[in-house]
């Protein structure tokens, strides 16, 4: 389907600290509640590439992130955050219309 380097979805989620451990990342992927570029994913070995959009639940929030970099390891949080950018920030307030307070 795509070209270029890739990383398994479960490893990506674990490496960038969106899952506490790899087995949790595998379970999350296999539950079918993650979307990769709009398509439902049911396999943890689905390849993730730079530029892909991942939609996943985190608590009561649905997050959409863009893959910016494929990590080589599970490093510190500051390093992990450089591997993706948030498309829909989880805690951003809703914009107010003009005239509202």
N, C-alpha and C. Protein backbone atom coordinates (compact mmCIF):
# COMPACT_ATOMS: atom_id res chain seq x y z
N UNK A 1 0.83 -1.18 0.00
CA UNK A 1 0.00 0.00 0.00
C UNK A 1 0.88 1.25 0.00
N UNK A 2 1.61 1.54 1.10
CA UNK A 2 2.46 2.72 1.14
C UNK A 2 3.91 2.34 0.89
N UNK A 3 4.72 3.34 0.78
CA UNK A 3 6.14 3.13 0.55
C UNK A 3 6.93 3.84 1.64
N UNK A 4 8.15 3.45 1.81
CA UNK A 4 9.00 4.08 2.80
C UNK A 4 9.07 3.29 4.10
N UNK A 5 9.87 3.76 5.02
CA UNK A 5 10.04 3.06 6.29
C UNK A 5 8.73 3.04 7.09
N UNK A 6 8.57 1.99 7.87
CA UNK A 6 7.36 1.87 8.68
C UNK A 6 7.71 1.24 10.02
N UNK A 7 6.74 1.29 10.93
CA UNK A 7 6.88 0.72 12.26
C UNK A 7 5.52 0.15 12.63
N UNK A 8 5.51 -0.99 13.32
CA UNK A 8 4.26 -1.59 13.75
C UNK A 8 3.47 -0.59 14.61
N UNK A 9 2.16 -0.60 14.48
CA UNK A 9 1.30 0.31 15.23
C UNK A 9 1.50 0.16 16.73
N UNK A 10 1.55 -1.07 17.24
CA UNK A 10 1.69 -1.25 18.68
C UNK A 10 3.03 -0.71 19.19
N UNK A 11 4.09 -0.93 18.43
CA UNK A 11 5.39 -0.40 18.84
C UNK A 11 5.40 1.13 18.79
N UNK A 12 4.77 1.69 17.77
CA UNK A 12 4.72 3.15 17.67
C UNK A 12 4.00 3.74 18.88
N UNK A 13 2.82 3.21 19.20
CA UNK A 13 2.05 3.73 20.34
C UNK A 13 2.84 3.62 21.64
N UNK A 14 3.56 2.54 21.81
CA UNK A 14 4.36 2.34 23.01
C UNK A 14 5.58 3.26 23.02
N UNK A 15 6.29 3.33 21.91
CA UNK A 15 7.49 4.17 21.82
C UNK A 15 7.18 5.64 22.08
N UNK A 16 6.04 6.15 21.57
CA UNK A 16 5.72 7.57 21.75
C UNK A 16 4.87 7.82 23.00
N UNK A 17 4.77 6.82 23.84
CA UNK A 17 4.14 6.93 25.16
C UNK A 17 2.65 7.23 25.11
N UNK A 18 1.97 6.73 24.09
CA UNK A 18 0.51 6.82 24.04
C UNK A 18 -0.12 5.57 24.64
N UNK A 19 0.72 4.60 24.98
CA UNK A 19 0.30 3.38 25.69
C UNK A 19 1.35 3.08 26.75
N UNK A 20 0.93 2.62 27.94
CA UNK A 20 1.88 2.40 29.03
C UNK A 20 2.86 1.25 28.79
N UNK A 21 2.46 0.24 28.00
CA UNK A 21 3.35 -0.87 27.67
C UNK A 21 2.92 -1.46 26.34
N UNK A 22 3.74 -2.32 25.80
CA UNK A 22 3.46 -2.84 24.46
C UNK A 22 2.23 -3.73 24.44
N UNK A 23 2.03 -4.53 25.50
CA UNK A 23 0.85 -5.40 25.50
C UNK A 23 -0.44 -4.57 25.54
N UNK A 24 -0.43 -3.43 26.23
CA UNK A 24 -1.60 -2.53 26.22
C UNK A 24 -1.81 -1.95 24.82
N UNK A 25 -0.72 -1.61 24.17
CA UNK A 25 -0.80 -1.07 22.81
C UNK A 25 -1.36 -2.12 21.85
N UNK A 26 -0.94 -3.37 22.00
CA UNK A 26 -1.46 -4.45 21.17
C UNK A 26 -2.96 -4.62 21.39
N UNK A 27 -3.36 -4.65 22.65
CA UNK A 27 -4.78 -4.82 22.98
C UNK A 27 -5.62 -3.67 22.43
N UNK A 28 -5.11 -2.46 22.54
CA UNK A 28 -5.81 -1.28 22.03
C UNK A 28 -6.02 -1.40 20.52
N UNK A 29 -4.98 -1.79 19.82
CA UNK A 29 -5.07 -1.92 18.36
C UNK A 29 -6.03 -3.04 17.96
N UNK A 30 -6.01 -4.14 18.68
CA UNK A 30 -6.82 -5.29 18.30
C UNK A 30 -8.29 -5.14 18.69
N UNK A 31 -8.62 -4.17 19.52
CA UNK A 31 -10.02 -3.92 19.89
C UNK A 31 -10.78 -3.24 18.77
N UNK A 32 -10.07 -2.71 17.80
CA UNK A 32 -10.73 -2.08 16.66
C UNK A 32 -11.22 -0.67 16.93
N UNK A 33 -10.62 0.01 17.91
CA UNK A 33 -11.07 1.37 18.24
C UNK A 33 -10.09 2.44 17.76
N UNK A 34 -9.06 2.02 17.05
CA UNK A 34 -8.09 2.96 16.48
C UNK A 34 -8.34 3.05 14.98
N UNK A 35 -8.18 4.26 14.44
CA UNK A 35 -8.26 4.44 12.99
C UNK A 35 -6.91 4.97 12.50
N UNK A 36 -6.49 4.43 11.38
CA UNK A 36 -5.26 4.85 10.73
C UNK A 36 -5.65 5.40 9.37
N UNK A 37 -5.46 6.69 9.18
CA UNK A 37 -5.87 7.37 7.94
C UNK A 37 -7.34 7.12 7.63
N UNK A 38 -8.17 7.13 8.68
CA UNK A 38 -9.61 6.97 8.51
C UNK A 38 -10.11 5.54 8.45
N UNK A 39 -9.22 4.57 8.40
CA UNK A 39 -9.63 3.17 8.31
C UNK A 39 -9.47 2.50 9.66
N UNK A 40 -10.46 1.73 10.04
CA UNK A 40 -10.44 1.01 11.30
C UNK A 40 -9.33 -0.03 11.30
N UNK A 41 -8.59 -0.11 12.40
CA UNK A 41 -7.47 -1.05 12.53
C UNK A 41 -7.84 -2.12 13.53
N UNK A 42 -7.58 -3.38 13.20
CA UNK A 42 -7.84 -4.48 14.12
C UNK A 42 -6.61 -5.36 14.32
N UNK A 43 -5.48 -4.91 13.81
CA UNK A 43 -4.25 -5.71 13.93
C UNK A 43 -3.13 -4.82 14.45
N UNK A 44 -2.42 -5.33 15.44
CA UNK A 44 -1.35 -4.54 16.05
C UNK A 44 -0.13 -4.40 15.14
N UNK A 45 -0.01 -5.28 14.15
CA UNK A 45 1.16 -5.20 13.27
C UNK A 45 0.94 -4.31 12.05
N UNK A 46 -0.16 -3.57 12.02
CA UNK A 46 -0.43 -2.65 10.92
C UNK A 46 0.71 -1.63 10.83
N UNK A 47 1.28 -1.41 9.65
CA UNK A 47 2.41 -0.48 9.53
C UNK A 47 1.98 0.98 9.62
N UNK A 48 2.77 1.76 10.34
CA UNK A 48 2.57 3.20 10.48
C UNK A 48 3.73 3.88 9.77
N UNK A 49 3.43 4.91 8.99
CA UNK A 49 4.45 5.65 8.25
C UNK A 49 4.36 7.14 8.55
N UNK A 50 5.42 7.84 8.27
CA UNK A 50 5.44 9.30 8.45
C UNK A 50 4.32 9.92 7.62
N UNK A 51 3.58 10.83 8.24
CA UNK A 51 2.46 11.49 7.56
C UNK A 51 1.11 10.85 7.84
N UNK A 52 1.10 9.65 8.40
CA UNK A 52 -0.16 8.98 8.72
C UNK A 52 -0.90 9.71 9.82
N UNK A 53 -2.24 9.60 9.80
CA UNK A 53 -3.08 10.15 10.85
C UNK A 53 -3.61 8.99 11.69
N UNK A 54 -3.45 9.08 13.00
CA UNK A 54 -3.92 8.06 13.92
C UNK A 54 -4.99 8.69 14.80
N UNK A 55 -6.16 8.06 14.86
CA UNK A 55 -7.25 8.51 15.72
C UNK A 55 -7.43 7.46 16.80
N UNK A 56 -7.36 7.90 18.07
CA UNK A 56 -7.48 6.95 19.17
C UNK A 56 -8.12 7.61 20.38
N UNK A 57 -8.83 6.81 21.18
CA UNK A 57 -9.44 7.35 22.39
C UNK A 57 -8.41 7.41 23.52
N UNK A 58 -8.49 8.46 24.33
CA UNK A 58 -7.68 8.58 25.54
C UNK A 58 -8.59 9.14 26.61
N UNK A 59 -9.07 8.27 27.48
CA UNK A 59 -10.05 8.69 28.47
C UNK A 59 -11.34 9.06 27.79
N UNK A 60 -11.83 10.27 28.06
CA UNK A 60 -13.07 10.75 27.45
C UNK A 60 -12.84 11.57 26.19
N UNK A 61 -11.61 11.60 25.72
CA UNK A 61 -11.23 12.43 24.58
C UNK A 61 -10.80 11.55 23.41
N UNK A 62 -11.18 11.97 22.22
CA UNK A 62 -10.70 11.31 21.00
C UNK A 62 -9.57 12.17 20.47
N UNK A 63 -8.38 11.58 20.34
CA UNK A 63 -7.21 12.32 19.85
C UNK A 63 -6.91 11.93 18.41
N UNK A 64 -6.51 12.92 17.65
CA UNK A 64 -6.04 12.70 16.28
C UNK A 64 -4.62 13.25 16.24
N UNK A 65 -3.68 12.39 15.84
CA UNK A 65 -2.28 12.81 15.77
C UNK A 65 -1.72 12.51 14.39
N UNK A 66 -0.75 13.28 13.98
CA UNK A 66 -0.03 13.05 12.72
C UNK A 66 1.35 12.54 13.06
N UNK A 67 1.75 11.45 12.41
CA UNK A 67 3.07 10.87 12.62
C UNK A 67 4.10 11.75 11.95
N UNK A 68 5.02 12.31 12.74
CA UNK A 68 6.06 13.20 12.22
C UNK A 68 7.39 12.47 12.05
N UNK A 69 7.60 11.45 12.87
CA UNK A 69 8.89 10.75 12.88
C UNK A 69 8.67 9.35 13.44
N UNK A 70 9.44 8.38 12.95
CA UNK A 70 9.38 7.02 13.48
C UNK A 70 10.51 6.86 14.50
N UNK A 71 10.17 6.65 15.76
CA UNK A 71 11.21 6.54 16.79
C UNK A 71 11.97 5.22 16.69
N UNK A 72 13.22 5.24 17.17
CA UNK A 72 14.05 4.04 17.20
C UNK A 72 13.89 3.27 18.51
N UNK A 73 13.38 3.98 19.53
CA UNK A 73 13.30 3.38 20.86
C UNK A 73 12.24 4.10 21.67
N UNK A 74 11.97 3.58 22.86
CA UNK A 74 11.09 4.27 23.80
C UNK A 74 11.97 5.15 24.68
N UNK A 75 12.06 6.39 24.31
CA UNK A 75 12.91 7.33 25.04
C UNK A 75 12.10 8.15 26.02
N UNK A 76 12.68 9.24 26.49
CA UNK A 76 11.97 10.12 27.43
C UNK A 76 10.78 10.79 26.75
N UNK A 77 9.86 11.29 27.57
CA UNK A 77 8.64 11.91 27.05
C UNK A 77 8.94 13.07 26.11
N UNK A 78 9.96 13.85 26.43
CA UNK A 78 10.29 15.00 25.57
C UNK A 78 10.69 14.54 24.16
N UNK A 79 11.37 13.42 24.08
CA UNK A 79 11.76 12.85 22.78
C UNK A 79 10.55 12.26 22.07
N UNK A 80 9.68 11.60 22.82
CA UNK A 80 8.49 10.96 22.25
C UNK A 80 7.55 11.99 21.62
N UNK A 81 7.41 13.16 22.26
CA UNK A 81 6.49 14.17 21.77
C UNK A 81 6.93 14.77 20.44
N UNK A 82 8.18 14.63 20.09
CA UNK A 82 8.66 15.14 18.80
C UNK A 82 8.27 14.22 17.65
N UNK A 83 7.78 13.03 17.96
CA UNK A 83 7.44 12.04 16.93
C UNK A 83 6.04 12.21 16.37
N UNK A 84 5.23 13.07 16.98
CA UNK A 84 3.88 13.30 16.47
C UNK A 84 3.43 14.72 16.77
N UNK A 85 2.44 15.16 16.02
CA UNK A 85 1.83 16.45 16.29
C UNK A 85 0.33 16.23 16.48
N UNK A 86 -0.23 16.95 17.42
CA UNK A 86 -1.65 16.83 17.72
C UNK A 86 -2.46 17.61 16.70
N UNK A 87 -3.41 16.94 16.08
CA UNK A 87 -4.31 17.60 15.13
C UNK A 87 -5.50 18.16 15.91
N UNK A 88 -6.01 17.38 16.86
CA UNK A 88 -7.09 17.82 17.74
C UNK A 88 -6.56 17.79 19.16
N UNK A 89 -6.17 18.92 19.71
CA UNK A 89 -5.65 18.93 21.07
C UNK A 89 -6.71 18.47 22.06
N UNK A 90 -6.30 17.62 22.99
CA UNK A 90 -7.23 17.02 23.94
C UNK A 90 -7.86 17.99 24.91
N UNK A 91 -7.16 19.04 25.33
CA UNK A 91 -7.69 19.88 26.40
C UNK A 91 -7.99 21.30 25.93
N UNK A 92 -8.04 21.53 24.65
CA UNK A 92 -8.31 22.89 24.15
C UNK A 92 -9.78 23.23 24.34
N UNK A 93 -10.09 24.44 24.84
CA UNK A 93 -11.48 24.83 25.00
C UNK A 93 -12.13 25.11 23.65
N UNK A 94 -13.43 24.96 23.61
CA UNK A 94 -14.16 25.23 22.37
C UNK A 94 -14.11 26.72 22.06
N UNK A 95 -13.93 27.10 20.80
CA UNK A 95 -13.89 28.53 20.45
C UNK A 95 -15.24 29.17 20.70
N UNK A 96 -15.22 30.42 21.18
CA UNK A 96 -16.46 31.15 21.44
C UNK A 96 -16.80 32.01 20.23
N UNK A 97 -18.10 32.12 19.98
CA UNK A 97 -18.57 32.98 18.89
C UNK A 97 -18.46 34.43 19.35
N UNK A 98 -18.39 35.36 18.40
CA UNK A 98 -18.29 36.78 18.74
C UNK A 98 -19.51 37.21 19.53
N UNK A 99 -19.27 38.01 20.57
CA UNK A 99 -20.36 38.49 21.39
C UNK A 99 -20.64 37.63 22.60
N UNK A 100 -20.13 36.41 22.65
CA UNK A 100 -20.32 35.54 23.81
C UNK A 100 -19.27 35.84 24.85
N UNK A 101 -19.62 35.63 26.13
CA UNK A 101 -18.62 35.79 27.17
C UNK A 101 -18.66 34.66 28.15
